[in-house]
Amino acid sequence: MPEISRFLGIVIYMYFNEHNPPHFHVKYNEHRAVMDIQTLNILAGHLPVKVRGLVGEWAELHEQELLEMWNSKDFHKIKPLV
């Protein structure tokens, strides 16, 4: 489960060999969620509203990079939201 970004207590990661649709996982304190890369909908779990907004903002900025990573499985760190 490669960690691809960390900011403001939020950890973003992807698993190898995951099912579609393209998505990433989010951890924030006791909260866990799975977010669709293209729609930014939460597919599973729950995040506080503020955290969901921050993750959505970050994912919008890096959508293409996230999709490329999903397709290639060449995981690397992505700049955090600052």
Protein backbone atom coordinates (compact mmCIF):
# COMPACT_ATOMS: atom_id res chain seq x y z
CA MET A 1 0.00 0.00 0.00
CA PRO A 2 2.23 2.82 -1.22
CA GLU A 3 1.69 6.15 0.47
CA ILE A 4 1.54 8.78 -2.24
CA SER A 5 0.92 11.95 -0.22
CA ARG A 6 0.58 13.25 3.33
CA PHE A 7 -0.64 16.66 4.48
CA LEU A 8 -2.49 18.16 7.43
CA GLY A 9 -2.82 14.75 9.08
CA ILE A 10 -4.33 13.25 5.91
CA VAL A 11 -2.66 10.23 4.31
CA ILE A 12 -3.37 9.29 0.68
CA TYR A 13 -2.40 5.89 -0.68
CA MET A 14 -3.16 3.33 -3.41
CA TYR A 15 -3.08 -0.44 -3.41
CA PHE A 16 -1.51 -2.59 -6.12
CA ASN A 17 -3.88 -4.60 -8.35
CA GLU A 18 -7.08 -2.86 -7.27
CA HIS A 19 -10.49 -3.08 -8.91
CA ASN A 20 -12.02 -0.35 -11.08
CA PRO A 21 -13.05 2.45 -10.99
CA PRO A 22 -9.70 4.21 -10.49
CA HIS A 23 -9.57 5.34 -6.88
CA PHE A 24 -7.37 6.15 -3.92
CA HIS A 25 -7.65 5.56 -0.19
CA VAL A 26 -7.68 8.26 2.48
CA LYS A 27 -6.91 8.02 6.20
CA TYR A 28 -7.53 10.85 8.62
CA ASN A 29 -7.42 10.02 12.33
CA GLU A 30 -10.07 7.31 12.79
CA HIS A 31 -11.74 8.08 9.45
CA ARG A 32 -11.21 6.01 6.30
CA ALA A 33 -12.56 6.52 2.80
CA VAL A 34 -12.12 5.40 -0.79
CA MET A 35 -12.45 8.17 -3.38
CA ASP A 36 -13.01 7.90 -7.12
CA ILE A 37 -10.23 9.78 -8.95
CA GLN A 38 -12.42 11.13 -11.74
CA THR A 39 -15.64 12.03 -9.92
CA LEU A 40 -14.18 12.59 -6.44
CA ASN A 41 -17.19 10.76 -5.01
CA ILE A 42 -16.65 8.71 -1.88
CA LEU A 43 -17.08 5.07 -2.85
CA ALA A 44 -16.75 3.71 0.69
CA GLY A 45 -16.23 5.09 4.16
CA HIS A 46 -16.59 8.62 5.47
CA LEU A 47 -14.52 11.77 5.93
CA PRO A 48 -15.34 14.96 7.82
CA VAL A 49 -16.63 17.66 5.45
CA LYS A 50 -13.54 19.86 5.78
CA VAL A 51 -11.18 16.93 5.13
CA ARG A 52 -13.23 15.80 2.14
CA GLY A 53 -12.94 19.30 0.70
CA LEU A 54 -9.17 19.38 1.20
CA VAL A 55 -8.71 15.95 -0.35
CA GLY A 56 -10.96 16.94 -3.26
CA GLU A 57 -8.93 20.10 -3.85
CA TRP A 58 -5.68 18.11 -3.79
CA ALA A 59 -7.07 15.39 -6.10
CA GLU A 60 -8.35 17.96 -8.61
CA LEU A 61 -4.87 19.44 -8.86
CA HIS A 62 -3.31 16.00 -9.43
CA GLU A 63 -6.06 14.12 -11.32
CA GLN A 64 -3.95 13.34 -14.39
CA GLU A 65 -0.99 12.22 -12.30
CA LEU A 66 -3.25 9.99 -10.17
CA LEU A 67 -4.79 8.38 -13.26
CA GLU A 68 -1.34 7.77 -14.78
CA MET A 69 -0.21 6.20 -11.51
CA TRP A 70 -3.34 4.02 -11.40
CA ASN A 71 -2.75 2.77 -14.94
CA SER A 72 1.01 2.27 -14.73
CA LYS A 73 1.25 1.09 -11.10
CA ASP A 74 4.40 3.24 -10.98
CA PHE A 75 3.66 4.81 -7.60
CA HIS A 76 5.57 7.85 -6.39
CA LYS A 77 5.09 10.73 -3.99
CA ILE A 78 2.83 13.60 -5.04
CA LYS A 79 3.23 17.09 -3.60
CA PRO A 80 0.99 17.74 -0.62
CA LEU A 81 -1.66 20.42 -0.48
CA VAL A 82 -0.07 23.55 1.01
